[in-house]
Protein backbone atom coordinates (compact mmCIF):
# COMPACT_ATOMS: atom_id res chain seq x y z
CA MET A 1 28.90 16.41 -20.79
CA TRP A 2 25.83 14.54 -19.60
CA ILE A 3 22.78 16.25 -18.08
CA ASP A 4 20.43 14.31 -15.83
CA THR A 5 17.20 16.28 -16.18
CA HIS A 6 15.43 14.54 -13.27
CA CYS A 7 17.27 13.33 -10.18
CA HIS A 8 16.18 13.44 -6.53
CA LEU A 9 19.69 13.88 -5.17
CA ASP A 10 18.18 15.53 -2.09
CA ALA A 11 16.34 12.31 -1.15
CA ASP A 12 17.00 10.76 2.23
CA GLU A 13 18.39 7.69 0.47
CA PHE A 14 21.48 9.75 -0.44
CA ASP A 15 22.07 11.42 2.94
CA ALA A 16 24.77 8.96 4.02
CA ASP A 17 26.94 9.18 0.90
CA ARG A 18 25.82 12.14 -1.22
CA ASP A 19 29.38 13.37 -1.81
CA ALA A 20 30.34 9.96 -3.19
CA VAL A 21 27.22 9.82 -5.37
CA VAL A 22 28.08 13.17 -6.94
CA ALA A 23 31.71 12.13 -7.37
CA ARG A 24 30.69 8.93 -9.17
CA ALA A 25 28.40 10.93 -11.46
CA ARG A 26 31.07 13.47 -12.31
CA ALA A 27 33.61 10.70 -12.94
CA VAL A 28 31.49 9.48 -15.87
CA GLY A 29 30.67 12.97 -17.16
CA VAL A 30 27.31 13.67 -15.50
CA THR A 31 28.14 17.25 -14.59
CA MET A 32 24.63 18.70 -14.34
CA GLN A 33 21.52 17.41 -12.61
CA VAL A 34 18.06 18.93 -12.15
CA LEU A 35 16.57 18.27 -8.70
CA PRO A 36 12.75 18.55 -8.55
CA ALA A 37 11.21 19.09 -5.12
CA ALA A 38 8.20 17.09 -3.94
CA HIS A 39 6.71 19.03 -0.99
CA VAL A 40 7.01 22.46 0.59
CA SER A 41 8.87 20.94 3.54
CA HIS A 42 11.55 19.77 1.07
CA PHE A 43 12.13 23.12 -0.65
CA ALA A 44 15.00 24.31 1.58
CA LYS A 45 16.87 21.02 1.37
CA THR A 46 16.37 20.66 -2.40
CA ALA A 47 17.75 24.16 -3.01
CA ALA A 48 20.62 23.68 -0.53
CA VAL A 49 21.76 20.44 -2.16
CA ALA A 50 21.61 22.05 -5.60
CA ARG A 51 23.69 25.00 -4.40
CA GLN A 52 26.20 22.79 -2.60
CA TYR A 53 27.01 20.82 -5.74
CA GLY A 54 26.48 23.50 -8.38
CA LEU A 55 23.32 21.88 -9.78
CA ALA A 56 19.82 23.05 -10.73
CA TYR A 57 16.47 22.61 -8.99
CA ALA A 58 12.72 22.99 -9.38
CA LEU A 59 10.03 23.69 -6.78
CA GLY A 60 6.65 21.98 -6.70
CA ILE A 61 4.26 19.65 -4.92
CA HIS A 62 4.35 16.07 -6.20
CA PRO A 63 0.95 14.35 -6.70
CA LEU A 64 1.92 11.64 -4.20
CA TRP A 65 2.40 14.36 -1.59
CA VAL A 66 -0.87 16.24 -1.97
CA ALA A 67 -2.44 14.25 0.88
CA GLN A 68 0.22 15.76 3.16
CA SER A 69 -0.34 19.25 1.73
CA ASP A 70 -3.01 21.88 2.28
CA GLU A 71 -4.32 24.64 0.08
CA ALA A 72 -2.12 27.22 1.83
CA ASP A 73 0.91 25.38 0.46
CA ILE A 74 0.16 26.85 -2.95
CA GLY A 75 0.74 30.29 -1.46
CA ARG A 76 3.95 29.02 0.14
CA LEU A 77 5.07 27.67 -3.22
CA ARG A 78 4.29 31.01 -4.87
CA GLU A 79 6.41 32.88 -2.33
CA ALA A 80 9.25 30.34 -2.56
CA ALA A 81 9.23 30.51 -6.36
CA ARG A 82 9.14 34.29 -6.37
CA ALA A 83 12.17 34.43 -4.07
CA ALA A 84 13.98 31.70 -6.03
CA LEU A 85 13.76 33.66 -9.29
CA ALA A 86 16.86 35.49 -8.06
CA ASP A 87 18.72 32.16 -7.93
CA PRO A 88 20.09 31.04 -11.32
CA ARG A 89 19.88 27.41 -10.19
CA PHE A 90 16.05 27.59 -10.03
CA VAL A 91 14.78 26.43 -13.43
CA ALA A 92 11.16 25.17 -13.25
CA ILE A 93 7.98 24.42 -11.34
CA GLY A 94 8.03 20.73 -10.50
CA GLU A 95 7.61 17.96 -9.85
CA ILE A 96 3.88 18.40 -10.37
CA GLY A 97 1.23 16.38 -12.16
CA LEU A 98 -1.17 13.48 -11.72
CA ASP A 99 -0.73 9.86 -10.64
CA PHE A 100 -3.64 7.59 -11.60
CA TYR A 101 -1.78 4.35 -10.93
CA VAL A 102 -1.41 4.35 -7.13
CA GLU A 103 -4.67 3.25 -5.55
CA GLY A 104 -6.39 5.28 -2.87
CA LEU A 105 -5.26 8.72 -4.00
CA ASP A 106 -7.80 11.53 -4.23
CA ARG A 107 -7.87 12.37 -7.94
CA GLU A 108 -9.92 15.52 -7.46
CA ARG A 109 -7.41 16.82 -4.93
CA GLN A 110 -4.50 15.96 -7.21
CA GLN A 111 -6.18 17.82 -10.06
CA TRP A 112 -6.71 20.90 -7.90
CA PHE A 113 -3.04 21.05 -6.94
CA TYR A 114 -1.97 20.42 -10.52
CA HIS A 115 -4.26 23.20 -11.81
CA GLU A 116 -3.01 25.70 -9.23
CA GLN A 117 0.64 24.88 -9.88
CA LEU A 118 0.21 25.25 -13.62
CA LYS A 119 -1.16 28.71 -12.88
CA LEU A 120 2.03 29.50 -10.97
CA ALA A 121 4.19 28.27 -13.85
CA ARG A 122 2.24 30.55 -16.17
CA GLU A 123 2.45 33.45 -13.71
CA PHE A 124 6.24 33.23 -13.46
CA GLY A 125 6.85 32.23 -17.07
CA LEU A 126 8.50 28.99 -16.01
CA PRO A 127 8.44 25.52 -17.59
CA ALA A 128 6.82 22.66 -15.70
CA ILE A 129 8.29 19.25 -14.86
CA LEU A 130 5.34 16.85 -15.04
CA HIS A 131 4.71 13.54 -13.28
CA VAL A 132 2.86 11.41 -15.84
CA ARG A 133 1.54 8.07 -14.60
CA ARG A 134 -1.50 6.75 -16.46
CA SER A 135 -2.67 10.36 -16.55
CA ALA A 136 -1.48 11.81 -19.86
CA ASP A 137 -4.90 12.77 -21.22
CA ALA A 138 -5.92 14.53 -17.99
CA LEU A 139 -2.62 16.40 -17.89
CA LEU A 140 -3.01 17.48 -21.50
CA ARG A 141 -6.61 18.66 -20.95
CA GLU A 142 -5.43 21.01 -18.22
CA LEU A 143 -2.53 22.22 -20.36
CA GLY A 144 -5.14 23.17 -22.94
CA ARG A 145 -6.74 25.45 -20.34
CA ILE A 146 -3.56 26.83 -18.77
CA GLU A 147 -0.73 27.35 -21.22
CA VAL A 148 2.77 27.19 -19.80
CA PRO A 149 6.12 27.62 -21.58
CA GLY A 150 6.69 23.90 -22.06
CA GLY A 151 8.89 21.76 -19.85
CA ILE A 152 9.44 18.03 -19.44
CA ALA A 153 6.96 15.14 -19.31
CA HIS A 154 8.97 12.99 -16.92
CA ALA A 155 9.15 9.19 -17.34
CA PHE A 156 6.79 9.32 -20.31
CA ASN A 157 4.96 6.10 -21.09
CA GLY A 158 1.96 7.19 -23.10
CA SER A 159 0.71 6.61 -26.61
CA GLU A 160 2.10 8.00 -29.84
CA ASP A 161 -0.82 10.44 -30.00
CA GLN A 162 -0.19 11.64 -26.44
CA ALA A 163 3.52 12.00 -27.15
CA GLY A 164 2.77 14.19 -30.15
CA ARG A 165 0.39 16.36 -28.14
CA PHE A 166 2.96 16.96 -25.37
CA VAL A 167 5.61 17.81 -27.96
CA ALA A 168 3.22 20.18 -29.71
CA ARG A 169 2.83 22.04 -26.41
CA GLY A 170 6.58 22.48 -26.08
CA PHE A 171 7.37 19.56 -23.79
CA ALA A 172 10.32 17.22 -24.09
CA LEU A 173 9.68 13.61 -23.07
CA GLY A 174 11.91 12.10 -20.38
CA PHE A 175 13.59 8.70 -20.84
CA GLY A 176 15.65 6.77 -18.31
CA GLY A 177 15.66 3.49 -16.45
CA ALA A 178 12.38 2.13 -17.83
CA MET A 179 13.81 2.43 -21.36
CA THR A 180 16.37 -0.24 -20.43
CA TYR A 181 13.75 -2.89 -19.57
CA ASP A 182 13.43 -5.62 -22.16
CA GLY A 183 9.65 -5.53 -21.95
CA SER A 184 9.27 -1.76 -22.33
CA LEU A 185 8.37 -2.03 -25.99
CA ARG A 186 6.35 1.16 -26.26
CA ILE A 187 8.89 3.26 -24.37
CA ARG A 188 11.68 1.88 -26.56
CA ARG A 189 9.67 2.62 -29.68
CA HIS A 190 9.26 6.25 -28.60
CA ALA A 191 12.96 6.47 -27.71
CA ALA A 192 13.86 5.19 -31.16
CA THR A 193 11.49 7.28 -33.27
CA LEU A 194 10.80 10.63 -31.60
CA PRO A 195 12.19 13.67 -33.42
CA ASP A 196 15.70 14.63 -32.31
CA THR A 197 14.46 17.70 -30.43
CA SER A 198 11.65 15.98 -28.49
CA TRP A 199 13.37 14.03 -25.70
CA VAL A 200 15.69 14.37 -22.72
CA LEU A 201 17.58 11.88 -20.56
CA GLU A 202 16.92 11.39 -16.85
CA THR A 203 17.55 8.85 -14.09
CA ASP A 204 14.87 9.72 -11.50
CA ALA A 205 17.44 8.45 -8.98
CA PRO A 206 17.05 6.90 -6.48
CA ASP A 207 13.92 5.56 -8.23
CA ILE A 208 13.34 3.65 -11.52
CA PRO A 209 16.60 1.68 -11.48
CA PRO A 210 17.82 0.32 -14.82
CA GLN A 211 17.49 -3.29 -15.92
CA TRP A 212 20.99 -4.22 -14.74
CA PHE A 213 19.98 -3.26 -11.18
CA ARG A 214 16.98 -5.60 -11.28
CA ASP A 215 18.26 -8.85 -12.78
CA GLY A 216 18.01 -11.79 -10.37
CA ARG A 217 18.69 -9.82 -7.22
CA ALA A 218 17.23 -7.22 -4.91
CA VAL A 219 16.45 -3.96 -6.68
CA LEU A 220 19.32 -1.55 -6.05
CA ARG A 221 19.27 2.20 -5.53
CA ASN A 222 19.50 4.11 -8.78
CA GLU A 223 22.19 6.79 -9.13
CA PRO A 224 22.92 9.60 -11.60
CA CYS A 225 26.17 7.87 -12.63
CA GLU A 226 24.00 5.33 -14.49
CA LEU A 227 22.87 7.96 -17.01
CA PRO A 228 25.61 7.30 -19.62
CA ARG A 229 24.83 3.59 -19.65
CA MET A 230 21.11 4.38 -20.08
CA ALA A 231 22.15 6.69 -22.91
CA GLU A 232 23.96 3.80 -24.58
CA VAL A 233 20.61 2.02 -24.82
CA MET A 234 19.02 5.05 -26.44
CA ALA A 235 21.95 5.51 -28.83
CA ARG A 236 21.55 1.92 -30.02
CA LEU A 237 17.79 2.38 -30.43
CA ARG A 238 18.28 5.57 -32.45
CA GLY A 239 21.32 4.35 -34.37
CA VAL A 240 23.51 7.31 -33.41
CA GLU A 241 26.91 7.81 -31.81
CA LEU A 242 26.98 8.34 -28.06
CA ASP A 243 28.74 11.72 -28.34
CA ALA A 244 26.04 12.95 -30.71
CA LEU A 245 23.36 11.79 -28.28
CA ALA A 246 25.03 13.68 -25.41
CA ARG A 247 25.15 16.87 -27.47
CA GLN A 248 21.50 16.55 -28.47
CA ASN A 249 20.49 15.91 -24.87
CA GLU A 250 22.19 19.16 -23.85
CA VAL A 251 20.45 21.09 -26.63
CA ASN A 252 17.09 19.62 -25.66
CA ALA A 253 17.60 20.23 -21.94
CA ARG A 254 18.50 23.87 -22.61
CA THR A 255 15.37 24.25 -24.74
CA ALA A 256 13.03 22.60 -22.23
CA LEU A 257 14.52 24.49 -19.25
CA PRO A 258 15.81 27.82 -20.60
CA ARG A 259 17.22 29.03 -17.27
CA LEU A 260 19.52 26.00 -17.27
CA GLY A 261 21.61 27.63 -19.97
CA ALA A 262 23.17 30.11 -17.53
CA LEU A 263 24.49 27.21 -15.45
CA LEU A 264 25.88 25.40 -18.47
CA ASP A 265 27.60 28.48 -19.90
CA PRO A 266 31.30 28.16 -19.02
CA PHE A 267 31.49 31.93 -18.56
CA ALA A 268 28.74 31.83 -15.94
CA ALA A 269 29.71 28.61 -14.19
CA VAL A 270 28.32 28.08 -10.73
CA PHE A 271 30.94 26.31 -8.65
CA PRO A 272 30.03 23.95 -5.80
CA HIS A 273 30.38 25.04 -2.21
CA PRO A 274 31.14 21.89 -0.18
CA ALA A 275 30.72 23.66 3.16
CA ALA A 276 27.13 24.66 2.45
CA SER A 277 24.75 23.47 5.11
CA GLN A 278 21.92 21.04 4.44
CA PRO A 279 18.70 21.46 6.41
CA PRO A 280 17.48 18.24 8.00
CA SER A 281 15.05 16.17 6.00
CA PRO A 282 11.42 15.98 7.15
CA GLY A 283 11.43 12.24 6.50
CA GLY A 284 11.38 9.73 3.68
CA ARG A 285 10.00 10.70 0.32
CA GLY A 286 8.05 7.61 -0.67
CA LEU A 287 7.51 9.05 -4.13
CA LYS A 288 7.23 5.91 -6.19
CA ALA A 289 5.11 2.83 -5.92
CA PRO A 290 6.46 -0.17 -7.86
CA LEU A 291 5.96 -0.23 -11.60
CA PRO A 292 2.94 -2.38 -12.44
CA PRO A 293 3.51 -5.64 -14.31
CA GLY A 294 3.76 -5.00 -18.03
CA GLU A 295 4.02 -1.24 -17.63
CA GLY A 296 5.27 0.15 -20.92
CA LEU A 297 4.46 -2.92 -22.97
CA GLY A 298 3.41 -1.96 -26.46
């Protein structure tokens, strides 16, 4: 079994063929995905998609969406999270964090939303799924002030020191498409050398497509079915068998997101409900700006 710990299956990019996307993922063994929300207007759709396909989800306000958010949205997130605690598919607060790469974003506003959402994670005893983009030190400083029960540092691309500090605070580091890039020397070094219990696999689909979706052609939409092939890259880097890597990924995902265990337990399986309705999307996500040249180079 493969677990994709970070996939935006609810994104508009999948509206036309979501059933087929899930079928392709299941055909290669990706039977569980974690869907992080990005904005309060997305919460209903994110949860509905997770319920429809028997997956997991998180609720949060992404740093690239804080300009479209107001302070009252923290209260809306609190109420949504409180209600979602009754749903076994709800596993974390996320995607939250800081993005210091995209120009023109209000860093002070990002930091306020990050601070307030960490407080909610602490209040509800939930792990956090963190957006880390040239912001690791700032994220870690706030984690020193507001302790949360770990989580995942998504798409990690920081230093060895920063990696160790996240791990010391109970966070697993997420690896996916960027690990497959030939030039991602630092990411590959982390993927090869981190302790067995310190990482998880993710696609971030439809974003961060793997190398084979970028070679000499237009960049293609990423999908969760690419996770096993990304895992092959990590298995080669770590010198382990693919089956062993899949088992360790499950162990690490369960540890990082404890509520996920109930969904993975065969005696508490949550079966998909294909007839479930999907609320209309408020519009495109626009979560990711392009990776900068040389991002991840050692």
